[in-house]
Protein backbone atom coordinates (compact mmCIF):
# COMPACT_ATOMS: atom_id res chain seq x y z
CA MET A 1 45.57 -10.45 11.48
CA PHE A 2 43.66 -12.29 14.25
CA GLU A 3 45.06 -12.98 17.65
CA ARG A 4 44.87 -16.57 18.88
CA LYS A 5 42.34 -15.75 21.63
CA ASN A 6 39.96 -14.18 19.07
CA ILE A 7 39.93 -17.18 16.73
CA GLN A 8 38.25 -19.64 19.12
CA PRO A 9 35.01 -17.63 19.54
CA LEU A 10 34.85 -17.18 15.76
CA VAL A 11 35.15 -20.93 15.23
CA LYS A 12 32.33 -21.56 17.74
CA CYS A 13 30.17 -18.98 15.99
CA LEU A 14 30.77 -20.54 12.59
CA LYS A 15 30.01 -24.04 13.90
CA GLY A 16 26.72 -22.77 15.33
CA ALA A 17 25.81 -21.04 12.09
CA ALA A 18 26.58 -24.15 10.07
CA SER A 19 24.20 -26.23 12.19
CA LYS A 20 21.22 -23.98 11.34
CA PRO A 21 20.67 -23.80 7.58
CA TYR A 22 19.37 -20.48 6.25
CA GLU A 23 16.71 -22.12 4.07
CA VAL A 24 14.87 -23.59 7.05
CA VAL A 25 14.70 -20.23 8.80
CA ALA A 26 13.59 -18.46 5.63
CA GLU A 27 10.83 -21.01 4.96
CA THR A 28 9.37 -20.65 8.45
CA GLN A 29 9.31 -16.85 8.20
CA GLN A 30 7.78 -16.66 4.70
CA PRO A 31 4.10 -16.89 5.80
CA CYS A 32 4.66 -14.00 8.22
CA ILE A 33 6.23 -11.89 5.48
CA ASP A 34 3.32 -12.62 3.14
CA GLU A 35 0.85 -11.58 5.84
CA ILE A 36 2.76 -8.35 6.48
CA LYS A 37 2.83 -7.55 2.75
CA THR A 38 -0.93 -8.07 2.53
CA LYS A 39 -1.61 -5.77 5.48
CA VAL A 40 0.74 -3.03 4.25
CA ILE A 41 -0.79 -3.14 0.76
CA GLY A 42 -4.24 -2.97 2.35
CA ALA A 43 -3.25 0.08 4.39
CA TYR A 44 -1.74 1.72 1.30
CA ASN A 45 -4.96 1.17 -0.65
CA LEU A 46 -7.00 2.63 2.19
CA LEU A 47 -4.77 5.71 2.17
CA LYS A 48 -5.21 6.05 -1.60
CA ASP A 49 -8.97 6.01 -1.05
CA GLU A 50 -8.55 8.68 1.65
CA LYS A 51 -9.67 6.30 4.39
CA THR A 52 -6.99 7.41 6.82
CA THR A 53 -8.73 6.21 9.97
CA GLU A 54 -9.03 2.64 8.70
CA ALA A 55 -5.44 2.68 7.41
CA THR A 56 -4.17 3.98 10.74
CA LEU A 57 -6.01 1.25 12.63
CA LEU A 58 -4.66 -1.45 10.32
CA LEU A 59 -1.09 -0.19 10.69
CA HIS A 60 -1.55 0.22 14.44
CA ASP A 61 -2.58 -3.43 14.76
CA LEU A 62 0.39 -4.50 12.64
CA VAL A 63 2.83 -2.54 14.81
CA ARG A 64 1.26 -4.03 17.95
CA GLU A 65 1.91 -7.51 16.52
CA PHE A 66 5.57 -6.58 15.95
CA GLU A 67 5.90 -5.29 19.50
CA SER A 68 4.30 -8.36 21.07
CA ASP A 69 6.49 -10.72 18.99
CA HIS A 70 9.72 -9.01 20.00
CA LEU A 71 9.18 -8.60 23.75
């Protein structure tokens, strides 16, 4: 199934993954997710109230945060 030369990189990858538990990563990202949820719900409510300009600005700021975090 696997050739010998392909197994070694897989072993290194698995060792690296085992050294970084998922729970720790998930816990550090949870506040960001909660903040995003709050902003998206706020934008949705603004759209329901036909306040499109305010909703657009809120979503624009949120997208800018995404772009600056991933550069």
